[in-house]
Amino acid sequence: MSIFKAYDIRGIVPSELNEEIIYRIGRAFVLFLGCSEVVVGRDVRLSSDALFESLARGIMDQGADIIDVGRVDTPMLYFSARDKAAAIMITASHNPKEYNGMKMCRENAIPLSGATGIQEIEKICSEGNFPDARRGKMIKVDKVDEFVGFSRTFADLGGGKRLKMVVDGANGAGTLVYPKVFEGLALDFIPMYMEPDGTFPNHEANPLIEENMRDLQKGVVKNGADIGIALDGDADRCLFVDEQGKIQRADIVGALIAREVLKRTPGATILYDLRSSRSVKEEVEKGGGRAIQCRVGHAFIKRQMREHDAVFAVELAGHFYFKEHFYTESSAIATISVLNLLAKEKKPFSVLAGAVTRYAHSGE
């Protein structure tokens, strides 16, 4: 089975993806895009540091400079790449610990998909014709404070009840940056599994599997919290639990976030993937917005957001996309948007979600 997928590169380390292969991919990536610099970040998986070294060597051998943003989550990588020509995040997202991979972007954090570059990169790798080039250099940068400051501009928690949130970081990359966004805000942040550990000792970093949500559900009830948030392995998706310990589907949460987004941008266009409840469309239109159904898959959604100048999009798998975050996912802004709504509405999360849960749903 090929490691070159529809939206990313992914495989088991080292049998499918190893340092030799990722070196060739680095060279092929630079050749395909013709870029002079590449922003690179990596998650906390045990193989990520070694793969980074080989990827960086390939990129530099093909003549491009590395802008190394270090160990970060994927939203942080997108933020760092927002005005750059190319970017790669070394991560296997929500996959088990033996996997690793890469999410690749061209200019302005626009993703490469199978049809828009990944197949070409695979072909270049297979042919192995890499022309000589000047060797690039490595530049280390720290964008964490800038990212945290940007994300916090969306917070508006004043005047309401002091909220209590439980966050399950699943020992993944979300433990690195996401908690810093909430430091000093008017709320109580209760961490769970917030130590970075690429062995994922407590449970897999995949909140779509209900078993992986059980500790968070219990933690919310035990702590009398208003909300619980579960991050996946690279924190580009998140799922929510209400104060009763019930998992709230991402499309329902997206309908609530749409309400908050439309207050900032009246009349805006909002996308929802075709698996979502029709109540998302109804809530958007009730709020004065324009709702458009879209295909599943982050590459398609990001492209359609640009085509329709959409300000927000929700995907049932727990991805929340914001135009203000350069048409990419932000679990931090999604969380802040829900917290803003809870603070203003002064109603329990279960009540707000229940008001827009009107139809039966078949799930994924």
Protein backbone atom coordinates (compact mmCIF):
# COMPACT_ATOMS: atom_id res chain seq x y z
CA MET A 1 0.00 0.00 0.00
CA SER A 2 1.36 3.42 -0.95
CA ILE A 3 2.23 5.96 1.73
CA PHE A 4 1.08 8.69 -0.68
CA LYS A 5 -2.56 9.27 0.30
CA ALA A 6 -5.35 11.54 -0.91
CA TYR A 7 -4.58 14.32 1.60
CA ASP A 8 -1.20 13.50 3.11
CA ILE A 9 1.71 11.07 3.30
CA ARG A 10 1.36 8.44 5.99
CA GLY A 11 2.73 5.05 6.93
CA ILE A 12 4.15 2.74 9.59
CA VAL A 13 7.69 3.58 10.71
CA PRO A 14 10.14 2.21 9.60
CA SER A 15 8.60 -0.49 7.38
CA GLU A 16 6.64 1.94 5.18
CA LEU A 17 8.04 5.36 6.04
CA ASN A 18 11.68 5.79 7.02
CA GLU A 19 14.55 8.27 6.96
CA GLU A 20 15.69 7.36 3.43
CA ILE A 21 12.22 7.78 1.95
CA ILE A 22 11.51 11.04 3.73
CA TYR A 23 14.87 12.43 2.52
CA ARG A 24 13.77 11.79 -1.08
CA ILE A 25 10.36 13.31 -0.39
CA GLY A 26 12.07 16.46 0.90
CA ARG A 27 14.02 16.83 -2.34
CA ALA A 28 10.95 16.04 -4.46
CA PHE A 29 8.82 18.56 -2.56
CA VAL A 30 11.27 21.38 -3.32
CA LEU A 31 11.57 20.34 -6.96
CA PHE A 32 7.79 20.21 -7.42
CA LEU A 33 7.07 23.61 -5.86
CA GLY A 34 10.29 25.34 -6.88
CA CYS A 35 10.34 26.94 -3.44
CA SER A 36 13.32 28.61 -1.79
CA GLU A 37 12.21 28.03 1.79
CA VAL A 38 10.01 25.55 3.67
CA VAL A 39 8.43 25.97 7.11
CA VAL A 40 8.69 22.66 8.97
CA GLY A 41 7.13 21.57 12.27
CA ARG A 42 6.84 18.18 13.95
CA ASP A 43 4.65 16.46 16.52
CA VAL A 44 5.67 14.48 19.62
CA ARG A 45 5.83 11.00 18.09
CA LEU A 46 8.96 9.03 18.91
CA SER A 47 10.01 8.94 15.24
CA SER A 48 9.37 12.61 14.48
CA ASP A 49 12.77 14.04 15.43
CA ALA A 50 14.73 11.55 13.31
CA LEU A 51 12.36 11.99 10.37
CA PHE A 52 12.72 15.76 10.69
CA GLU A 53 16.50 15.53 10.43
CA SER A 54 16.27 13.49 7.22
CA LEU A 55 13.53 15.64 5.72
CA ALA A 56 15.51 18.80 6.50
CA ARG A 57 18.62 17.31 4.88
CA GLY A 58 16.65 16.52 1.72
CA ILE A 59 15.10 19.97 1.55
CA MET A 60 18.45 21.71 2.08
CA ASP A 61 20.27 19.41 -0.38
CA GLN A 62 17.75 20.46 -3.02
CA GLY A 63 18.55 24.13 -2.38
CA ALA A 64 15.79 25.41 -0.08
CA ASP A 65 16.15 26.86 3.40
CA ILE A 66 14.40 25.31 6.41
CA ILE A 67 12.38 27.51 8.74
CA ASP A 68 12.27 25.22 11.76
CA VAL A 69 9.38 26.07 14.12
CA GLY A 70 10.18 23.06 16.32
CA ARG A 71 7.76 20.72 18.05
CA VAL A 72 4.31 22.25 17.57
CA ASP A 73 0.74 21.30 16.76
CA THR A 74 -0.63 21.54 13.22
CA PRO A 75 -2.67 24.77 13.71
CA MET A 76 0.55 26.41 14.92
CA LEU A 77 2.33 25.18 11.78
CA TYR A 78 -0.40 26.67 9.59
CA PHE A 79 -0.14 29.96 11.45
CA SER A 80 3.63 30.01 10.92
CA ALA A 81 3.19 29.26 7.20
CA ARG A 82 0.43 31.77 6.51
CA ASP A 83 2.67 34.11 4.47
CA LYS A 84 5.28 31.62 3.28
CA ALA A 85 5.78 29.70 0.05
CA ALA A 86 5.68 26.16 1.44
CA ALA A 87 5.26 24.16 4.65
CA ILE A 88 5.38 20.60 5.96
CA MET A 89 4.06 19.23 9.24
CA ILE A 90 5.54 15.90 10.32
CA THR A 91 2.63 14.11 11.98
CA ALA A 92 0.37 11.09 11.69
CA SER A 93 -2.49 13.04 13.26
CA HIS A 94 -4.90 10.67 15.04
CA ASN A 95 -3.26 7.42 13.87
CA PRO A 96 -1.69 4.90 16.30
CA LYS A 97 1.81 5.44 17.67
CA GLU A 98 3.61 3.27 15.10
CA TYR A 99 2.57 5.63 12.30
CA ASN A 100 4.03 8.91 11.12
CA GLY A 101 3.57 11.09 8.07
CA MET A 102 3.44 14.56 6.59
CA LYS A 103 0.87 17.22 5.81
CA MET A 104 2.18 19.42 3.00
CA CYS A 105 1.24 22.94 1.93
CA ARG A 106 2.08 25.28 -0.88
CA GLU A 107 1.89 29.08 -0.50
CA ASN A 108 -0.34 30.60 2.20
CA ALA A 109 -0.91 27.22 3.90
CA ILE A 110 -2.88 25.87 0.89
CA PRO A 111 -2.80 22.06 1.25
CA LEU A 112 -1.45 19.65 -1.32
CA SER A 113 -3.75 16.74 -2.12
CA GLY A 114 -3.30 13.69 -4.29
CA ALA A 115 -4.58 15.58 -7.30
CA THR A 116 -2.71 18.83 -6.62
CA GLY A 117 0.80 17.65 -5.93
CA ILE A 118 1.14 14.48 -3.85
CA GLN A 119 0.98 12.20 -6.91
CA GLU A 120 3.59 14.34 -8.67
CA ILE A 121 5.87 14.20 -5.63
CA GLU A 122 5.50 10.41 -5.57
CA LYS A 123 6.51 10.28 -9.22
CA ILE A 124 9.58 12.47 -8.65
CA CYS A 125 10.58 10.28 -5.70
CA SER A 126 10.27 7.14 -7.81
CA GLU A 127 12.32 8.53 -10.69
CA GLY A 128 15.03 9.82 -8.34
CA ASN A 129 16.45 12.41 -10.75
CA PHE A 130 17.53 15.13 -8.34
CA PRO A 131 19.64 17.88 -9.94
CA ASP A 132 22.51 19.41 -7.99
CA ALA A 133 21.68 22.63 -6.13
CA ARG A 134 23.24 25.02 -3.68
CA ARG A 135 22.77 23.76 -0.14
CA GLY A 136 20.12 25.56 1.87
CA LYS A 137 20.44 26.57 5.50
CA MET A 138 18.37 26.00 8.63
CA ILE A 139 16.74 28.91 10.45
CA LYS A 140 15.14 28.22 13.83
CA VAL A 141 12.22 30.45 14.82
CA ASP A 142 9.80 30.57 17.76
CA LYS A 143 6.27 31.66 16.84
CA VAL A 144 4.48 30.40 19.96
CA ASP A 145 3.94 33.76 21.68
CA GLU A 146 2.71 35.31 18.44
CA PHE A 147 0.32 32.41 17.83
CA VAL A 148 -0.98 32.50 21.40
CA GLY A 149 -1.55 36.26 21.24
CA PHE A 150 -3.40 35.96 17.94
CA SER A 151 -5.66 33.16 19.19
CA ARG A 152 -6.50 35.02 22.39
CA THR A 153 -7.87 37.99 20.42
CA PHE A 154 -11.00 35.91 19.81
CA ALA A 155 -11.77 35.52 23.53
CA ASP A 156 -14.67 37.51 24.98
CA LEU A 157 -15.48 35.95 28.35
CA GLY A 158 -16.12 39.06 30.42
CA GLY A 159 -19.27 39.66 32.42
CA GLY A 160 -20.41 36.07 32.64
CA LYS A 161 -19.95 33.06 34.85
CA ARG A 162 -16.38 31.89 35.38
CA LEU A 163 -16.26 28.76 33.27
CA LYS A 164 -14.52 25.50 34.09
CA MET A 165 -13.09 23.40 31.27
CA VAL A 166 -11.41 19.98 31.22
CA VAL A 167 -9.03 19.35 28.32
CA ASP A 168 -7.71 15.91 27.32
CA GLY A 169 -4.49 16.48 25.38
CA ALA A 170 -4.05 12.72 24.78
CA ASN A 171 -0.29 13.24 25.33
CA GLY A 172 -0.11 14.53 21.75
CA ALA A 173 1.11 17.71 20.09
CA GLY A 174 -1.84 19.64 21.51
CA THR A 175 -0.05 19.58 24.87
CA LEU A 176 2.64 21.91 23.49
CA VAL A 177 0.80 25.10 22.53
CA TYR A 178 -2.98 24.82 23.03
CA PRO A 179 -2.90 25.18 26.87
CA LYS A 180 -0.86 28.40 26.62
CA VAL A 181 -3.75 30.09 24.79
CA PHE A 182 -5.93 29.83 27.90
CA GLU A 183 -3.40 30.91 30.53
CA GLY A 184 -4.65 34.03 32.29
CA LEU A 185 -8.14 33.99 30.80
CA ALA A 186 -11.14 34.22 33.14
CA LEU A 187 -11.71 30.48 33.40
CA ASP A 188 -10.47 27.35 35.17
CA PHE A 189 -8.38 25.06 32.94
CA ILE A 190 -8.19 21.46 34.17
CA PRO A 191 -5.62 19.43 32.19
CA MET A 192 -5.78 15.71 31.46
CA TYR A 193 -2.93 13.75 29.86
CA MET A 194 -1.18 17.03 29.09
CA GLU A 195 2.38 15.66 29.15
CA PRO A 196 3.81 15.18 25.64
CA ASP A 197 4.52 11.47 25.15
CA GLY A 198 4.75 9.81 21.75
CA THR A 199 3.88 6.41 23.20
CA PHE A 200 0.36 7.73 23.99
CA PRO A 201 0.31 5.85 27.31
CA ASN A 202 -3.28 6.65 28.34
CA HIS A 203 -5.21 6.16 25.11
CA GLU A 204 -4.82 6.70 21.37
CA ALA A 205 -4.99 10.33 20.31
CA ASN A 206 -8.16 9.77 18.31
CA PRO A 207 -11.31 11.31 19.84
CA LEU A 208 -13.53 9.79 17.15
CA ILE A 209 -13.25 6.47 18.98
CA GLU A 210 -15.70 6.67 21.89
CA GLU A 211 -13.49 4.57 24.16
CA ASN A 212 -10.87 7.34 24.00
CA MET A 213 -13.43 9.87 25.26
CA ARG A 214 -14.46 8.03 28.43
CA ASP A 215 -11.85 9.52 30.77
CA LEU A 216 -12.75 13.02 29.62
CA GLN A 217 -16.45 12.36 30.10
CA LYS A 218 -15.81 11.16 33.65
CA GLY A 219 -13.45 14.07 34.31
CA VAL A 220 -16.03 16.66 33.31
CA VAL A 221 -18.67 15.21 35.62
CA LYS A 222 -16.23 14.66 38.50
CA ASN A 223 -14.95 18.24 38.35
CA GLY A 224 -18.37 19.82 37.82
CA ALA A 225 -17.01 21.40 34.64
CA ASP A 226 -19.00 23.33 32.06
CA ILE A 227 -17.29 21.73 29.08
CA GLY A 228 -14.74 19.14 28.05
CA ILE A 229 -12.47 19.20 25.01
CA ALA A 230 -10.60 16.27 23.48
CA LEU A 231 -7.71 16.95 21.09
CA ASP A 232 -6.35 14.55 18.52
CA GLY A 233 -2.68 13.76 17.97
CA ASP A 234 -1.79 17.01 16.20
CA ALA A 235 -4.63 19.18 17.59
CA ASP A 236 -6.12 20.09 14.23
CA ARG A 237 -9.38 18.51 15.35
CA CYS A 238 -11.26 18.55 18.63
CA LEU A 239 -14.44 17.08 20.02
CA PHE A 240 -16.59 18.46 22.81
CA VAL A 241 -18.32 17.05 25.89
CA ASP A 242 -21.11 18.89 27.68
CA GLU A 243 -21.50 19.40 31.44
CA GLN A 244 -23.41 16.12 31.73
CA GLY A 245 -20.53 14.16 30.21
CA LYS A 246 -22.29 13.67 26.86
CA ILE A 247 -20.31 13.89 23.62
CA GLN A 248 -21.71 16.59 21.38
CA ARG A 249 -21.28 15.97 17.65
CA ALA A 250 -19.01 18.35 15.77
CA ASP A 251 -21.76 19.44 13.38
CA ILE A 252 -23.96 20.51 16.31
CA VAL A 253 -21.03 22.35 17.88
CA GLY A 254 -20.37 23.89 14.46
CA ALA A 255 -23.93 25.23 14.37
CA LEU A 256 -23.28 26.92 17.73
CA ILE A 257 -19.94 28.33 16.59
CA ALA A 258 -21.66 29.64 13.46
CA ARG A 259 -23.90 31.69 15.73
CA GLU A 260 -20.83 33.25 17.34
CA VAL A 261 -19.07 33.78 14.00
CA LEU A 262 -22.09 35.51 12.46
CA LYS A 263 -22.06 38.05 15.28
CA ARG A 264 -18.55 39.07 14.16
CA THR A 265 -19.32 38.90 10.43
CA PRO A 266 -23.05 39.40 9.74
CA GLY A 267 -24.36 37.84 6.55
CA ALA A 268 -21.24 35.72 6.01
CA THR A 269 -21.00 32.42 4.13
CA ILE A 270 -20.48 29.24 6.17
CA LEU A 271 -19.72 25.73 4.87
CA TYR A 272 -20.75 22.39 6.35
CA ASP A 273 -19.79 18.96 5.06
CA LEU A 274 -22.43 16.72 3.53
CA ARG A 275 -22.58 14.39 6.58
CA SER A 276 -23.74 17.22 8.83
CA SER A 277 -27.25 17.63 10.19
CA ARG A 278 -29.56 19.93 8.24
CA SER A 279 -29.91 21.91 11.47
CA VAL A 280 -26.50 23.46 10.68
CA LYS A 281 -27.95 25.04 7.53
CA GLU A 282 -31.06 26.13 9.41
CA GLU A 283 -29.06 27.77 12.21
CA VAL A 284 -26.80 29.61 9.77
CA GLU A 285 -29.76 30.96 7.82
CA LYS A 286 -31.62 31.86 11.01
CA GLY A 287 -28.56 33.89 12.01
CA GLY A 288 -28.64 35.76 8.70
CA GLY A 289 -25.81 33.84 7.06
CA ARG A 290 -25.48 31.88 3.84
CA ALA A 291 -25.00 28.11 4.23
CA ILE A 292 -23.31 25.96 1.57
CA GLN A 293 -22.85 22.20 1.69
CA CYS A 294 -19.35 20.98 0.78
CA ARG A 295 -17.35 17.82 0.13
CA VAL A 296 -15.62 15.89 2.89
CA GLY A 297 -11.85 16.40 3.18
CA HIS A 298 -9.75 19.32 4.34
CA ALA A 299 -8.21 20.03 0.91
CA PHE A 300 -11.66 20.33 -0.69
CA ILE A 301 -13.09 22.38 2.16
CA LYS A 302 -10.21 24.86 2.21
CA ARG A 303 -10.49 25.32 -1.55
CA GLN A 304 -14.26 25.87 -1.37
CA MET A 305 -13.85 28.33 1.48
CA ARG A 306 -11.63 30.44 -0.75
CA GLU A 307 -13.97 30.09 -3.74
CA HIS A 308 -17.00 31.27 -1.72
CA ASP A 309 -15.13 33.62 0.60
CA ALA A 310 -16.53 31.62 3.52
CA VAL A 311 -15.60 32.73 7.04
CA PHE A 312 -16.14 29.37 8.77
CA ALA A 313 -16.55 25.68 7.95
CA VAL A 314 -17.31 22.61 10.04
CA GLU A 315 -16.56 18.97 9.28
CA LEU A 316 -18.24 16.13 11.16
CA ALA A 317 -14.85 14.59 11.99
CA GLY A 318 -14.10 17.49 14.35
CA HIS A 319 -12.33 19.97 12.08
CA PHE A 320 -13.30 23.63 12.47
CA TYR A 321 -11.96 26.02 9.82
CA PHE A 322 -11.71 29.80 10.10
CA LYS A 323 -10.99 32.34 7.39
CA GLU A 324 -9.30 34.45 10.07
CA HIS A 325 -6.97 31.50 10.64
CA PHE A 326 -6.01 31.53 6.96
CA TYR A 327 -8.73 29.07 5.93
CA THR A 328 -7.27 26.35 8.16
CA GLU A 329 -8.27 24.47 11.30
CA SER A 330 -7.90 25.96 14.77
CA SER A 331 -8.96 23.91 17.77
CA ALA A 332 -8.10 26.88 20.00
CA ILE A 333 -10.40 29.32 18.18
CA ALA A 334 -13.15 26.68 18.03
CA THR A 335 -12.89 26.19 21.79
CA ILE A 336 -12.83 29.93 22.47
CA SER A 337 -15.91 30.42 20.28
CA VAL A 338 -17.89 27.88 22.33
CA LEU A 339 -16.64 29.37 25.60
CA ASN A 340 -17.71 32.84 24.42
CA LEU A 341 -21.19 31.53 23.71
CA LEU A 342 -21.46 29.78 27.08
CA ALA A 343 -20.38 32.95 28.88
CA LYS A 344 -22.85 35.17 27.02
CA GLU A 345 -25.87 32.86 26.90
CA LYS A 346 -25.48 31.80 30.56
CA LYS A 347 -27.03 28.44 29.70
CA PRO A 348 -25.53 24.95 30.10
CA PHE A 349 -23.78 23.49 27.08
CA SER A 350 -26.31 20.64 26.94
CA VAL A 351 -29.19 23.12 26.69
CA LEU A 352 -27.56 25.13 23.89
CA ALA A 353 -26.69 21.97 21.96
CA GLY A 354 -30.08 20.40 22.60
CA ALA A 355 -31.81 23.38 21.00
CA VAL A 356 -30.17 22.63 17.65
CA THR A 357 -30.28 18.82 17.83
CA ARG A 358 -33.52 18.34 15.97
CA TYR A 359 -32.97 15.37 13.65
CA ALA A 360 -31.87 11.75 13.80
CA HIS A 361 -28.32 11.22 12.58
CA SER A 362 -26.49 8.19 11.17
CA GLY A 363 -22.99 9.28 12.27
CA GLU A 364 -19.88 8.81 10.16
